[in-house]
Amino acid sequence: MLLRDIAHSRTGDKGNRSTISVIAFDLKDFAAIERCITAERVRQYYGDIVKGDVDRYVLPQLGALNFVLHDALGGGVTRSLALDAHGKCLSSAILGMSVE
């Protein structure tokens, strides 16, 4: 199944970092999300977009994961030539990941 079937996502930015939260619709699905959506898998999923590390923070009380993608916004909002300098589309993209 796709992540979008069991979770939603929000994103933010600060400088050249994008933060992406993945939040389970139902807490019963959080264990599968936590197991399948790792920092390394997120790093690989975004490929060349993320030039730095990916940190993952687990928030089990909220049924959420928060990822910090370092060096992911082409220098930051005021410097990036990307069409989506804020990285808002990155939260939609993560929902295309598969969860077993």
C-alpha atoms as a PDB file:
ATOM      1  CA  MET A   1       0.000   0.000   0.000  1.00  0.00           C
ATOM      2  CA  LEU A   2       1.083   3.584  -0.428  1.00  0.00           C
ATOM      3  CA  LEU A   3       1.876   5.799   2.526  1.00  0.00           C
ATOM      4  CA  ARG A   4      -0.884   8.212   1.416  1.00  0.00           C
ATOM      5  CA  ASP A   5      -3.438   5.476   2.181  1.00  0.00           C
ATOM      6  CA  ILE A   6      -2.612   5.544   5.913  1.00  0.00           C
ATOM      7  CA  ALA A   7      -0.968   8.931   6.567  1.00  0.00           C
ATOM      8  CA  HIS A   8      -0.804  12.582   5.667  1.00  0.00           C
ATOM      9  CA  SER A   9       2.167  14.911   5.583  1.00  0.00           C
ATOM     10  CA  ARG A  10       3.200  18.478   6.332  1.00  0.00           C
ATOM     11  CA  THR A  11       6.365  20.314   5.444  1.00  0.00           C
ATOM     12  CA  GLY A  12       8.327  23.366   6.451  1.00  0.00           C
ATOM     13  CA  ASP A  13      11.631  24.969   5.657  1.00  0.00           C
ATOM     14  CA  LYS A  14      14.414  26.815   7.401  1.00  0.00           C
ATOM     15  CA  GLY A  15      17.352  27.968   5.365  1.00  0.00           C
ATOM     16  CA  ASN A  16      18.522  25.097   3.204  1.00  0.00           C
ATOM     17  CA  ARG A  17      16.687  22.440   5.243  1.00  0.00           C
ATOM     18  CA  SER A  18      13.286  20.935   4.615  1.00  0.00           C
ATOM     19  CA  THR A  19      11.319  19.336   7.428  1.00  0.00           C
ATOM     20  CA  ILE A  20       8.710  16.736   6.549  1.00  0.00           C
ATOM     21  CA  SER A  21       6.264  15.225   8.992  1.00  0.00           C
ATOM     22  CA  VAL A  22       4.435  11.983   8.275  1.00  0.00           C
ATOM     23  CA  ILE A  23       1.367  11.557  10.491  1.00  0.00           C
ATOM     24  CA  ALA A  24      -0.710   8.376  10.683  1.00  0.00           C
ATOM     25  CA  PHE A  25      -4.449   8.776  10.212  1.00  0.00           C
ATOM     26  CA  ASP A  26      -4.920   5.957  12.743  1.00  0.00           C
ATOM     27  CA  LEU A  27      -2.438   5.080  15.516  1.00  0.00           C
ATOM     28  CA  LYS A  28      -2.809   1.369  14.694  1.00  0.00           C
ATOM     29  CA  ASP A  29      -0.852   2.018  11.456  1.00  0.00           C
ATOM     30  CA  PHE A  30       2.005   3.881  13.118  1.00  0.00           C
ATOM     31  CA  ALA A  31       4.117   0.761  13.820  1.00  0.00           C
ATOM     32  CA  ALA A  32       4.201  -0.101  10.108  1.00  0.00           C
ATOM     33  CA  ILE A  33       5.064   3.482   9.187  1.00  0.00           C
ATOM     34  CA  GLU A  34       7.828   3.624  11.795  1.00  0.00           C
ATOM     35  CA  ARG A  35       9.270   0.311  10.609  1.00  0.00           C
ATOM     36  CA  CYS A  36       9.170   1.075   6.877  1.00  0.00           C
ATOM     37  CA  ILE A  37       9.909   4.791   6.574  1.00  0.00           C
ATOM     38  CA  THR A  38      13.508   5.097   7.755  1.00  0.00           C
ATOM     39  CA  ALA A  39      15.883   8.036   7.380  1.00  0.00           C
ATOM     40  CA  GLU A  40      18.008   6.061   4.915  1.00  0.00           C
ATOM     41  CA  ARG A  41      15.009   5.101   2.823  1.00  0.00           C
ATOM     42  CA  VAL A  42      13.817   8.720   2.721  1.00  0.00           C
ATOM     43  CA  ARG A  43      17.323   9.821   1.684  1.00  0.00           C
ATOM     44  CA  GLN A  44      17.349   7.299  -1.161  1.00  0.00           C
ATOM     45  CA  TYR A  45      13.775   8.131  -2.180  1.00  0.00           C
ATOM     46  CA  TYR A  46      14.571  11.800  -2.760  1.00  0.00           C
ATOM     47  CA  GLY A  47      17.858  10.997  -4.490  1.00  0.00           C
ATOM     48  CA  ASP A  48      19.829  14.002  -5.726  1.00  0.00           C
ATOM     49  CA  ILE A  49      17.389  16.511  -4.203  1.00  0.00           C
ATOM     50  CA  VAL A  50      18.902  15.903  -0.760  1.00  0.00           C
ATOM     51  CA  LYS A  51      22.600  16.694  -0.731  1.00  0.00           C
ATOM     52  CA  GLY A  52      23.065  16.300   3.039  1.00  0.00           C
ATOM     53  CA  ASP A  53      21.984  13.996   5.829  1.00  0.00           C
ATOM     54  CA  VAL A  54      18.448  13.029   6.770  1.00  0.00           C
ATOM     55  CA  ASP A  55      17.547  12.981  10.466  1.00  0.00           C
ATOM     56  CA  ARG A  56      14.462  11.144  11.716  1.00  0.00           C
ATOM     57  CA  TYR A  57      12.577  11.972  14.905  1.00  0.00           C
ATOM     58  CA  VAL A  58       9.934   9.580  16.221  1.00  0.00           C
ATOM     59  CA  LEU A  59       6.858  11.012  17.951  1.00  0.00           C
ATOM     60  CA  PRO A  60       4.852   7.917  18.939  1.00  0.00           C
ATOM     61  CA  GLN A  61       2.327   9.833  21.060  1.00  0.00           C
ATOM     62  CA  LEU A  62       1.315  11.711  17.911  1.00  0.00           C
ATOM     63  CA  GLY A  63       1.694   8.754  15.558  1.00  0.00           C
ATOM     64  CA  ALA A  64       4.192  10.819  13.621  1.00  0.00           C
ATOM     65  CA  LEU A  65       7.686  10.858  12.196  1.00  0.00           C
ATOM     66  CA  ASN A  66       9.543  14.074  11.493  1.00  0.00           C
ATOM     67  CA  PHE A  67      12.372  14.159   8.971  1.00  0.00           C
ATOM     68  CA  VAL A  68      14.929  16.924   8.584  1.00  0.00           C
ATOM     69  CA  LEU A  69      16.462  16.935   5.100  1.00  0.00           C
ATOM     70  CA  HIS A  70      19.708  18.890   5.203  1.00  0.00           C
ATOM     71  CA  ASP A  71      20.968  20.736   2.133  1.00  0.00           C
ATOM     72  CA  ALA A  72      17.752  19.988   0.277  1.00  0.00           C
ATOM     73  CA  LEU A  73      16.453  23.351  -0.967  1.00  0.00           C
ATOM     74  CA  GLY A  74      19.070  24.459  -3.470  1.00  0.00           C
ATOM     75  CA  GLY A  75      20.659  26.946  -1.083  1.00  0.00           C
ATOM     76  CA  GLY A  76      17.435  28.065   0.595  1.00  0.00           C
ATOM     77  CA  VAL A  77      14.292  29.952  -0.314  1.00  0.00           C
ATOM     78  CA  THR A  78      15.999  33.214  -1.272  1.00  0.00           C
ATOM     79  CA  ARG A  79      18.806  31.531  -3.253  1.00  0.00           C
ATOM     80  CA  SER A  80      17.164  28.564  -4.945  1.00  0.00           C
ATOM     81  CA  LEU A  81      16.303  28.542  -8.622  1.00  0.00           C
ATOM     82  CA  ALA A  82      13.884  25.641  -8.069  1.00  0.00           C
ATOM     83  CA  LEU A  83      10.232  26.118  -8.990  1.00  0.00           C
ATOM     84  CA  ASP A  84       9.323  24.998  -5.460  1.00  0.00           C
ATOM     85  CA  ALA A  85      11.950  26.836  -3.424  1.00  0.00           C
ATOM     86  CA  HIS A  86      10.102  26.124  -0.159  1.00  0.00           C
ATOM     87  CA  GLY A  87       9.997  22.381  -0.817  1.00  0.00           C
ATOM     88  CA  LYS A  88       6.238  22.131  -0.221  1.00  0.00           C
ATOM     89  CA  CYS A  89       5.928  19.463  -2.912  1.00  0.00           C
ATOM     90  CA  LEU A  90       8.357  17.255  -0.973  1.00  0.00           C
ATOM     91  CA  SER A  91       5.592  16.394   1.508  1.00  0.00           C
ATOM     92  CA  SER A  92       3.300  15.255  -1.303  1.00  0.00           C
ATOM     93  CA  ALA A  93       6.086  13.186  -2.821  1.00  0.00           C
ATOM     94  CA  ILE A  94       6.826  11.240   0.377  1.00  0.00           C
ATOM     95  CA  LEU A  95       3.244   9.958   0.397  1.00  0.00           C
ATOM     96  CA  GLY A  96       4.086   7.967  -2.727  1.00  0.00           C
ATOM     97  CA  MET A  97       6.400   5.680  -0.743  1.00  0.00           C
ATOM     98  CA  SER A  98       5.222   2.112  -0.187  1.00  0.00           C
ATOM     99  CA  VAL A  99       4.491   0.626   3.231  1.00  0.00           C
ATOM    100  CA  GLU A 100       4.407  -3.137   3.786  1.00  0.00           C
END
